[in-house]
Amino acid sequence: MDDPINHVAQEQRRALGFMLDSLGLRHAHDEVARRERIAELERTVTALLAENSALRAEARELEHQLYPLESEIAAFEREMDGRLALERERAAENGI
């Protein structure tokens, strides 16, 4: 008679194999290959994160070149909003 735990593990391995095949990914059949694959994927993720960060910085720089005064205008608007809020608060305290 089959051990129920082994049967469940076997079904899980079959399901994992099906999912990996569906995604076009390789299935590591031994622990060494699995560790190498994980290390490869971690390097890929690290490289993609670095590339994403570099692209975001480049996009910010291009946006700044396209709209050079935008950040200054936004800072000015924040300052004015703060001053207006302070004046409204003072007026409310004085009953005006």
PDB file of N, CA and C in Angstrom:
ATOM      1  N   MET A   1       0.840  -1.186   0.000  1.00  0.00           N
ATOM      2  CA  MET A   1       0.000   0.000   0.000  1.00  0.00           C
ATOM      3  C   MET A   1       0.888   1.254   0.000  1.00  0.00           C
ATOM      4  N   ASP A   2       0.500   2.261  -0.774  1.00  0.00           N
ATOM      5  CA  ASP A   2       1.267   3.496  -0.873  1.00  0.00           C
ATOM      6  C   ASP A   2       1.131   4.325   0.392  1.00  0.00           C
ATOM      7  N   ASP A   3       2.233   4.959   0.755  1.00  0.00           N
ATOM      8  CA  ASP A   3       2.226   5.884   1.876  1.00  0.00           C
ATOM      9  C   ASP A   3       1.520   7.156   1.412  1.00  0.00           C
ATOM     10  N   PRO A   4       0.504   7.655   2.143  1.00  0.00           N
ATOM     11  CA  PRO A   4      -0.242   8.846   1.692  1.00  0.00           C
ATOM     12  C   PRO A   4       0.647  10.073   1.527  1.00  0.00           C
ATOM     13  N   ILE A   5       1.657  10.217   2.379  1.00  0.00           N
ATOM     14  CA  ILE A   5       2.541  11.374   2.271  1.00  0.00           C
ATOM     15  C   ILE A   5       3.341  11.309   0.977  1.00  0.00           C
ATOM     16  N   ASN A   6       3.849  10.143   0.627  1.00  0.00           N
ATOM     17  CA  ASN A   6       4.587   9.984  -0.625  1.00  0.00           C
ATOM     18  C   ASN A   6       3.686  10.232  -1.823  1.00  0.00           C
ATOM     19  N   HIS A   7       2.436   9.792  -1.724  1.00  0.00           N
ATOM     20  CA  HIS A   7       1.493  10.006  -2.822  1.00  0.00           C
ATOM     21  C   HIS A   7       1.248  11.506  -3.030  1.00  0.00           C
ATOM     22  N   VAL A   8       1.078  12.236  -1.933  1.00  0.00           N
ATOM     23  CA  VAL A   8       0.857  13.689  -2.018  1.00  0.00           C
ATOM     24  C   VAL A   8       2.088  14.368  -2.593  1.00  0.00           C
ATOM     25  N   ALA A   9       3.273  13.985  -2.122  1.00  0.00           N
ATOM     26  CA  ALA A   9       4.513  14.576  -2.628  1.00  0.00           C
ATOM     27  C   ALA A   9       4.678  14.303  -4.117  1.00  0.00           C
ATOM     28  N   GLN A  10       4.329  13.092  -4.535  1.00  0.00           N
ATOM     29  CA  GLN A  10       4.429  12.733  -5.951  1.00  0.00           C
ATOM     30  C   GLN A  10       3.471  13.587  -6.785  1.00  0.00           C
ATOM     31  N   GLU A  11       2.258  13.780  -6.304  1.00  0.00           N
ATOM     32  CA  GLU A  11       1.289  14.615  -7.015  1.00  0.00           C
ATOM     33  C   GLU A  11       1.760  16.071  -7.075  1.00  0.00           C
ATOM     34  N   GLN A  12       2.361  16.545  -5.998  1.00  0.00           N
ATOM     35  CA  GLN A  12       2.879  17.916  -5.989  1.00  0.00           C
ATOM     36  C   GLN A  12       4.021  18.076  -6.988  1.00  0.00           C
ATOM     37  N   ARG A  13       4.913  17.078  -7.075  1.00  0.00           N
ATOM     38  CA  ARG A  13       6.000  17.138  -8.056  1.00  0.00           C
ATOM     39  C   ARG A  13       5.447  17.131  -9.479  1.00  0.00           C
ATOM     40  N   ARG A  14       4.413  16.322  -9.725  1.00  0.00           N
ATOM     41  CA  ARG A  14       3.800  16.291 -11.061  1.00  0.00           C
ATOM     42  C   ARG A  14       3.180  17.641 -11.399  1.00  0.00           C
ATOM     43  N   ALA A  15       2.485  18.240 -10.427  1.00  0.00           N
ATOM     44  CA  ALA A  15       1.858  19.546 -10.658  1.00  0.00           C
ATOM     45  C   ALA A  15       2.920  20.617 -10.911  1.00  0.00           C
ATOM     46  N   LEU A  16       3.998  20.584 -10.116  1.00  0.00           N
ATOM     47  CA  LEU A  16       5.093  21.534 -10.313  1.00  0.00           C
ATOM     48  C   LEU A  16       5.720  21.359 -11.688  1.00  0.00           C
ATOM     49  N   GLY A  17       5.963  20.130 -12.076  1.00  0.00           N
ATOM     50  CA  GLY A  17       6.523  19.865 -13.404  1.00  0.00           C
ATOM     51  C   GLY A  17       5.631  20.388 -14.508  1.00  0.00           C
ATOM     52  N   PHE A  18       4.328  20.188 -14.370  1.00  0.00           N
ATOM     53  CA  PHE A  18       3.375  20.689 -15.367  1.00  0.00           C
ATOM     54  C   PHE A  18       3.423  22.216 -15.446  1.00  0.00           C
ATOM     55  N   MET A  19       3.435  22.870 -14.281  1.00  0.00           N
ATOM     56  CA  MET A  19       3.453  24.339 -14.267  1.00  0.00           C
ATOM     57  C   MET A  19       4.742  24.882 -14.878  1.00  0.00           C
ATOM     58  N   LEU A  20       5.871  24.276 -14.517  1.00  0.00           N
ATOM     59  CA  LEU A  20       7.142  24.735 -15.073  1.00  0.00           C
ATOM     60  C   LEU A  20       7.186  24.529 -16.582  1.00  0.00           C
ATOM     61  N   ASP A  21       6.699  23.376 -17.041  1.00  0.00           N
ATOM     62  CA  ASP A  21       6.655  23.112 -18.485  1.00  0.00           C
ATOM     63  C   ASP A  21       5.749  24.116 -19.187  1.00  0.00           C
ATOM     64  N   SER A  22       4.616  24.444 -18.563  1.00  0.00           N
ATOM     65  CA  SER A  22       3.673  25.399 -19.158  1.00  0.00           C
ATOM     66  C   SER A  22       4.291  26.783 -19.302  1.00  0.00           C
ATOM     67  N   LEU A  23       5.157  27.147 -18.357  1.00  0.00           N
ATOM     68  CA  LEU A  23       5.810  28.449 -18.394  1.00  0.00           C
ATOM     69  C   LEU A  23       7.104  28.445 -19.195  1.00  0.00           C
ATOM     70  N   GLY A  24       7.478  27.278 -19.680  1.00  0.00           N
ATOM     71  CA  GLY A  24       8.708  27.172 -20.455  1.00  0.00           C
ATOM     72  C   GLY A  24       9.959  27.218 -19.604  1.00  0.00           C
ATOM     73  N   LEU A  25       9.825  26.848 -18.341  1.00  0.00           N
ATOM     74  CA  LEU A  25      10.960  26.844 -17.431  1.00  0.00           C
ATOM     75  C   LEU A  25      11.496  25.431 -17.268  1.00  0.00           C
ATOM     76  N   ARG A  26      12.774  25.356 -16.928  1.00  0.00           N
ATOM     77  CA  ARG A  26      13.384  24.050 -16.707  1.00  0.00           C
ATOM     78  C   ARG A  26      13.041  23.546 -15.321  1.00  0.00           C
ATOM     79  N   HIS A  27      12.933  22.239 -15.204  1.00  0.00           N
ATOM     80  CA  HIS A  27      12.685  21.616 -13.911  1.00  0.00           C
ATOM     81  C   HIS A  27      13.986  20.994 -13.427  1.00  0.00           C
ATOM     82  N   ALA A  28      14.405  21.382 -12.234  1.00  0.00           N
ATOM     83  CA  ALA A  28      15.643  20.847 -11.668  1.00  0.00           C
ATOM     84  C   ALA A  28      15.343  19.488 -11.043  1.00  0.00           C
ATOM     85  N   HIS A  29      16.035  18.476 -11.505  1.00  0.00           N
ATOM     86  CA  HIS A  29      15.742  17.124 -11.033  1.00  0.00           C
ATOM     87  C   HIS A  29      16.578  16.720  -9.833  1.00  0.00           C
ATOM     88  N   ASP A  30      17.610  17.460  -9.513  1.00  0.00           N
ATOM     89  CA  ASP A  30      18.382  17.143  -8.318  1.00  0.00           C
ATOM     90  C   ASP A  30      18.688  18.431  -7.554  1.00  0.00           C
ATOM     91  N   GLU A  31      19.144  18.297  -6.333  1.00  0.00           N
ATOM     92  CA  GLU A  31      19.351  19.445  -5.454  1.00  0.00           C
ATOM     93  C   GLU A  31      20.431  20.393  -5.970  1.00  0.00           C
ATOM     94  N   VAL A  32      21.490  19.880  -6.547  1.00  0.00           N
ATOM     95  CA  VAL A  32      22.567  20.726  -7.068  1.00  0.00           C
ATOM     96  C   VAL A  32      22.045  21.596  -8.211  1.00  0.00           C
ATOM     97  N   ALA A  33      21.321  20.974  -9.123  1.00  0.00           N
ATOM     98  CA  ALA A  33      20.757  21.736 -10.242  1.00  0.00           C
ATOM     99  C   ALA A  33      19.750  22.765  -9.746  1.00  0.00           C
ATOM    100  N   ARG A  34      18.994  22.402  -8.736  1.00  0.00           N
ATOM    101  CA  ARG A  34      17.991  23.323  -8.168  1.00  0.00           C
ATOM    102  C   ARG A  34      18.687  24.539  -7.551  1.00  0.00           C
ATOM    103  N   ARG A  35      19.758  24.312  -6.799  1.00  0.00           N
ATOM    104  CA  ARG A  35      20.498  25.429  -6.189  1.00  0.00           C
ATOM    105  C   ARG A  35      21.111  26.332  -7.248  1.00  0.00           C
ATOM    106  N   GLU A  36      21.672  25.729  -8.292  1.00  0.00           N
ATOM    107  CA  GLU A  36      22.257  26.528  -9.378  1.00  0.00           C
ATOM    108  C   GLU A  36      21.193  27.362 -10.077  1.00  0.00           C
ATOM    109  N   ARG A  37      20.024  26.758 -10.287  1.00  0.00           N
ATOM    110  CA  ARG A  37      18.931  27.474 -10.947  1.00  0.00           C
ATOM    111  C   ARG A  37      18.450  28.634 -10.079  1.00  0.00           C
ATOM    112  N   ILE A  38      18.347  28.413  -8.776  1.00  0.00           N
ATOM    113  CA  ILE A  38      17.927  29.472  -7.865  1.00  0.00           C
ATOM    114  C   ILE A  38      18.947  30.605  -7.878  1.00  0.00           C
ATOM    115  N   ALA A  39      20.237  30.267  -7.836  1.00  0.00           N
ATOM    116  CA  ALA A  39      21.285  31.286  -7.883  1.00  0.00           C
ATOM    117  C   ALA A  39      21.220  32.069  -9.193  1.00  0.00           C
ATOM    118  N   GLU A  40      20.968  31.368 -10.290  1.00  0.00           N
ATOM    119  CA  GLU A  40      20.846  32.033 -11.600  1.00  0.00           C
ATOM    120  C   GLU A  40      19.658  32.990 -11.605  1.00  0.00           C
ATOM    121  N   LEU A  41      18.533  32.556 -11.067  1.00  0.00           N
ATOM    122  CA  LEU A  41      17.355  33.417 -11.020  1.00  0.00           C
ATOM    123  C   LEU A  41      17.581  34.618 -10.097  1.00  0.00           C
ATOM    124  N   GLU A  42      18.282  34.424  -8.984  1.00  0.00           N
ATOM    125  CA  GLU A  42      18.580  35.542  -8.092  1.00  0.00           C
ATOM    126  C   GLU A  42      19.471  36.571  -8.774  1.00  0.00           C
ATOM    127  N   ARG A  43      20.454  36.098  -9.542  1.00  0.00           N
ATOM    128  CA  ARG A  43      21.309  37.037 -10.294  1.00  0.00           C
ATOM    129  C   ARG A  43      20.490  37.792 -11.333  1.00  0.00           C
ATOM    130  N   THR A  44      19.582  37.091 -11.993  1.00  0.00           N
ATOM    131  CA  THR A  44      18.728  37.730 -12.996  1.00  0.00           C
ATOM    132  C   THR A  44      17.856  38.797 -12.358  1.00  0.00           C
ATOM    133  N   VAL A  45      17.257  38.473 -11.218  1.00  0.00           N
ATOM    134  CA  VAL A  45      16.399  39.437 -10.526  1.00  0.00           C
ATOM    135  C   VAL A  45      17.217  40.659 -10.095  1.00  0.00           C
ATOM    136  N   THR A  46      18.404  40.432  -9.559  1.00  0.00           N
ATOM    137  CA  THR A  46      19.264  41.533  -9.142  1.00  0.00           C
ATOM    138  C   THR A  46      19.613  42.431 -10.330  1.00  0.00           C
ATOM    139  N   ALA A  47      19.943  41.816 -11.450  1.00  0.00           N
ATOM    140  CA  ALA A  47      20.283  42.590 -12.651  1.00  0.00           C
ATOM    141  C   ALA A  47      19.071  43.376 -13.146  1.00  0.00           C
ATOM    142  N   LEU A  48      17.890  42.758 -13.111  1.00  0.00           N
ATOM    143  CA  LEU A  48      16.676  43.450 -13.554  1.00  0.00           C
ATOM    144  C   LEU A  48      16.327  44.605 -12.626  1.00  0.00           C
ATOM    145  N   LEU A  49      16.514  44.437 -11.329  1.00  0.00           N
ATOM    146  CA  LEU A  49      16.256  45.529 -10.392  1.00  0.00           C
ATOM    147  C   LEU A  49      17.198  46.696 -10.633  1.00  0.00           C
ATOM    148  N   ALA A  50      18.474  46.387 -10.891  1.00  0.00           N
ATOM    149  CA  ALA A  50      19.438  47.449 -11.172  1.00  0.00           C
ATOM    150  C   ALA A  50      19.079  48.169 -12.468  1.00  0.00           C
ATOM    151  N   GLU A  51      18.688  47.402 -13.476  1.00  0.00           N
ATOM    152  CA  GLU A  51      18.302  48.018 -14.743  1.00  0.00           C
ATOM    153  C   GLU A  51      17.057  48.876 -14.574  1.00  0.00           C
ATOM    154  N   ASN A  52      16.095  48.390 -13.796  1.00  0.00           N
ATOM    155  CA  ASN A  52      14.873  49.143 -13.537  1.00  0.00           C
ATOM    156  C   ASN A  52      15.198  50.455 -12.841  1.00  0.00           C
ATOM    157  N   SER A  53      16.068  50.403 -11.851  1.00  0.00           N
ATOM    158  CA  SER A  53      16.462  51.605 -11.132  1.00  0.00           C
ATOM    159  C   SER A  53      17.158  52.604 -12.057  1.00  0.00           C
ATOM    160  N   ALA A  54      18.041  52.096 -12.904  1.00  0.00           N
ATOM    161  CA  ALA A  54      18.748  52.970 -13.854  1.00  0.00           C
ATOM    162  C   ALA A  54      17.766  53.600 -14.839  1.00  0.00           C
ATOM    163  N   LEU A  55      16.797  52.822 -15.304  1.00  0.00           N
ATOM    164  CA  LEU A  55      15.810  53.359 -16.243  1.00  0.00           C
ATOM    165  C   LEU A  55      14.926  54.409 -15.581  1.00  0.00           C
ATOM    166  N   ARG A  56      14.570  54.198 -14.317  1.00  0.00           N
ATOM    167  CA  ARG A  56      13.773  55.198 -13.600  1.00  0.00           C
ATOM    168  C   ARG A  56      14.554  56.509 -13.453  1.00  0.00           C
ATOM    169  N   ALA A  57      15.834  56.390 -13.115  1.00  0.00           N
ATOM    170  CA  ALA A  57      16.674  57.593 -12.983  1.00  0.00           C
ATOM    171  C   ALA A  57      16.785  58.309 -14.320  1.00  0.00           C
ATOM    172  N   GLU A  58      16.959  57.547 -15.388  1.00  0.00           N
ATOM    173  CA  GLU A  58      17.040  58.147 -16.720  1.00  0.00           C
ATOM    174  C   GLU A  58      15.730  58.830 -17.086  1.00  0.00           C
ATOM    175  N   ALA A  59      14.608  58.212 -16.746  1.00  0.00           N
ATOM    176  CA  ALA A  59      13.300  58.804 -17.042  1.00  0.00           C
ATOM    177  C   ALA A  59      13.117  60.108 -16.267  1.00  0.00           C
ATOM    178  N   ARG A  60      13.551  60.114 -14.984  1.00  0.00           N
ATOM    179  CA  ARG A  60      13.460  61.356 -14.202  1.00  0.00           C
ATOM    180  C   ARG A  60      14.309  62.461 -14.816  1.00  0.00           C
ATOM    181  N   GLU A  61      15.513  62.096 -15.270  1.00  0.00           N
ATOM    182  CA  GLU A  61      16.402  63.084 -15.891  1.00  0.00           C
ATOM    183  C   GLU A  61      15.795  63.624 -17.186  1.00  0.00           C
ATOM    184  N   LEU A  62      15.242  62.736 -18.000  1.00  0.00           N
ATOM    185  CA  LEU A  62      14.613  63.175 -19.253  1.00  0.00           C
ATOM    186  C   LEU A  62      13.401  64.052 -18.978  1.00  0.00           C
ATOM    187  N   GLU A  63      12.635  63.694 -17.955  1.00  0.00           N
ATOM    188  CA  GLU A  63      11.474  64.496 -17.590  1.00  0.00           C
ATOM    189  C   GLU A  63      11.918  65.881 -17.120  1.00  0.00           C
ATOM    190  N   HIS A  64      12.997  65.918 -16.359  1.00  0.00           N
ATOM    191  CA  HIS A  64      13.519  67.204 -15.900  1.00  0.00           C
ATOM    192  C   HIS A  64      14.002  68.053 -17.073  1.00  0.00           C
ATOM    193  N   GLN A  65      14.626  67.429 -18.079  1.00  0.00           N
ATOM    194  CA  GLN A  65      15.070  68.156 -19.263  1.00  0.00           C
ATOM    195  C   GLN A  65      13.878  68.663 -20.066  1.00  0.00           C
ATOM    196  N   LEU A  66      12.816  67.852 -20.098  1.00  0.00           N
ATOM    197  CA  LEU A  66      11.632  68.238 -20.862  1.00  0.00           C
ATOM    198  C   LEU A  66      10.859  69.350 -20.158  1.00  0.00           C
ATOM    199  N   TYR A  67      10.760  69.257 -18.839  1.00  0.00           N
ATOM    200  CA  TYR A  67      10.037  70.247 -18.035  1.00  0.00           C
ATOM    201  C   TYR A  67      10.970  70.757 -16.938  1.00  0.00           C
ATOM    202  N   PRO A  68      11.938  71.605 -17.269  1.00  0.00           N
ATOM    203  CA  PRO A  68      12.947  72.014 -16.286  1.00  0.00           C
ATOM    204  C   PRO A  68      12.384  72.780 -15.096  1.00  0.00           C
ATOM    205  N   LEU A  69      11.308  73.490 -15.274  1.00  0.00           N
ATOM    206  CA  LEU A  69      10.766  74.291 -14.184  1.00  0.00           C
ATOM    207  C   LEU A  69       9.705  73.555 -13.373  1.00  0.00           C
ATOM    208  N   GLU A  70       9.330  72.369 -13.802  1.00  0.00           N
ATOM    209  CA  GLU A  70       8.251  71.635 -13.142  1.00  0.00           C
ATOM    210  C   GLU A  70       8.515  71.402 -11.657  1.00  0.00           C
ATOM    211  N   SER A  71       9.729  70.973 -11.316  1.00  0.00           N
ATOM    212  CA  SER A  71      10.030  70.710  -9.912  1.00  0.00           C
ATOM    213  C   SER A  71      10.051  71.998  -9.103  1.00  0.00           C
ATOM    214  N   GLU A  72      10.530  73.064  -9.714  1.00  0.00           N
ATOM    215  CA  GLU A  72      10.536  74.355  -9.019  1.00  0.00           C
ATOM    216  C   GLU A  72       9.111  74.861  -8.803  1.00  0.00           C
ATOM    217  N   ILE A  73       8.262  74.675  -9.797  1.00  0.00           N
ATOM    218  CA  ILE A  73       6.858  75.090  -9.675  1.00  0.00           C
ATOM    219  C   ILE A  73       6.166  74.277  -8.594  1.00  0.00           C
ATOM    220  N   ALA A  74       6.410  72.975  -8.563  1.00  0.00           N
ATOM    221  CA  ALA A  74       5.798  72.118  -7.546  1.00  0.00           C
ATOM    222  C   ALA A  74       6.253  72.528  -6.153  1.00  0.00           C
ATOM    223  N   ALA A  75       7.531  72.854  -5.981  1.00  0.00           N
ATOM    224  CA  ALA A  75       8.045  73.289  -4.684  1.00  0.00           C
ATOM    225  C   ALA A  75       7.404  74.622  -4.276  1.00  0.00           C
ATOM    226  N   PHE A  76       7.264  75.530  -5.250  1.00  0.00           N
ATOM    227  CA  PHE A  76       6.630  76.823  -4.977  1.00  0.00           C
ATOM    228  C   PHE A  76       5.173  76.631  -4.557  1.00  0.00           C
ATOM    229  N   GLU A  77       4.458  75.759  -5.250  1.00  0.00           N
ATOM    230  CA  GLU A  77       3.060  75.491  -4.911  1.00  0.00           C
ATOM    231  C   GLU A  77       2.932  74.899  -3.506  1.00  0.00           C
ATOM    232  N   ARG A  78       3.842  73.993  -3.139  1.00  0.00           N
ATOM    233  CA  ARG A  78       3.807  73.424  -1.786  1.00  0.00           C
ATOM    234  C   ARG A  78       4.060  74.511  -0.734  1.00  0.00           C
ATOM    235  N   GLU A  79       5.004  75.401  -1.028  1.00  0.00           N
ATOM    236  CA  GLU A  79       5.295  76.490  -0.100  1.00  0.00           C
ATOM    237  C   GLU A  79       4.086  77.403   0.054  1.00  0.00           C
ATOM    238  N   MET A  80       3.438  77.744  -1.046  1.00  0.00           N
ATOM    239  CA  MET A  80       2.267  78.618  -0.996  1.00  0.00           C
ATOM    240  C   MET A  80       1.111  77.938  -0.267  1.00  0.00           C
ATOM    241  N   ASP A  81       0.916  76.647  -0.505  1.00  0.00           N
ATOM    242  CA  ASP A  81      -0.143  75.916   0.199  1.00  0.00           C
ATOM    243  C   ASP A  81       0.108  75.930   1.701  1.00  0.00           C
ATOM    244  N   GLY A  82       1.368  75.769   2.084  1.00  0.00           N
ATOM    245  CA  GLY A  82       1.716  75.813   3.504  1.00  0.00           C
ATOM    246  C   GLY A  82       1.455  77.178   4.113  1.00  0.00           C
ATOM    247  N   ARG A  83       1.821  78.226   3.382  1.00  0.00           N
ATOM    248  CA  ARG A  83       1.593  79.586   3.885  1.00  0.00           C
ATOM    249  C   ARG A  83       0.103  79.888   4.004  1.00  0.00           C
ATOM    250  N   LEU A  84      -0.686  79.471   2.994  1.00  0.00           N
ATOM    251  CA  LEU A  84      -2.133  79.689   3.043  1.00  0.00           C
ATOM    252  C   LEU A  84      -2.767  78.944   4.213  1.00  0.00           C
ATOM    253  N   ALA A  85      -2.327  77.716   4.430  1.00  0.00           N
ATOM    254  CA  ALA A  85      -2.869  76.936   5.544  1.00  0.00           C
ATOM    255  C   ALA A  85      -2.552  77.617   6.872  1.00  0.00           C
ATOM    256  N   LEU A  86      -1.337  78.152   7.008  1.00  0.00           N
ATOM    257  CA  LEU A  86      -0.940  78.850   8.228  1.00  0.00           C
ATOM    258  C   LEU A  86      -1.782  80.106   8.429  1.00  0.00           C
ATOM    259  N   GLU A  87      -1.999  80.872   7.368  1.00  0.00           N
ATOM    260  CA  GLU A  87      -2.810  82.096   7.469  1.00  0.00           C
ATOM    261  C   GLU A  87      -4.258  81.763   7.800  1.00  0.00           C
ATOM    262  N   ARG A  88      -4.789  80.698   7.224  1.00  0.00           N
ATOM    263  CA  ARG A  88      -6.171  80.295   7.535  1.00  0.00           C
ATOM    264  C   ARG A  88      -6.283  79.874   9.000  1.00  0.00           C
ATOM    265  N   GLU A  89      -5.261  79.192   9.474  1.00  0.00           N
ATOM    266  CA  GLU A  89      -5.251  78.765  10.871  1.00  0.00           C
ATOM    267  C   GLU A  89      -5.214  79.975  11.805  1.00  0.00           C
ATOM    268  N   ARG A  90      -4.375  80.943  11.483  1.00  0.00           N
ATOM    269  CA  ARG A  90      -4.291  82.177  12.277  1.00  0.00           C
ATOM    270  C   ARG A  90      -5.619  82.931  12.259  1.00  0.00           C
ATOM    271  N   ALA A  91      -6.238  83.008  11.081  1.00  0.00           N
ATOM    272  CA  ALA A  91      -7.525  83.718  10.960  1.00  0.00           C
ATOM    273  C   ALA A  91      -8.601  83.009  11.774  1.00  0.00           C
ATOM    274  N   ALA A  92      -8.587  81.686  11.768  1.00  0.00           N
ATOM    275  CA  ALA A  92      -9.582  80.941  12.533  1.00  0.00           C
ATOM    276  C   ALA A  92      -9.370  81.152  14.035  1.00  0.00           C
ATOM    277  N   GLU A  93      -8.116  81.241  14.470  1.00  0.00           N
ATOM    278  CA  GLU A  93      -7.825  81.485  15.895  1.00  0.00           C
ATOM    279  C   GLU A  93      -8.267  82.875  16.318  1.00  0.00           C
ATOM    280  N   ASN A  94      -8.141  83.846  15.411  1.00  0.00           N
ATOM    281  CA  ASN A  94      -8.495  85.228  15.717  1.00  0.00           C
ATOM    282  C   ASN A  94      -9.971  85.507  15.466  1.00  0.00           C
ATOM    283  N   GLY A  95     -10.703  84.513  14.948  1.00  0.00           N
ATOM    284  CA  GLY A  95     -12.131  84.691  14.703  1.00  0.00           C
ATOM    285  C   GLY A  95     -12.454  85.559  13.513  1.00  0.00           C
ATOM    286  N   ILE A  96     -11.575  85.609  12.542  1.00  0.00           N
ATOM    287  CA  ILE A  96     -11.795  86.435  11.359  1.00  0.00           C
ATOM    288  C   ILE A  96     -12.512  85.641  10.315  1.00  0.00           C
TER     289      ILE A  96
END
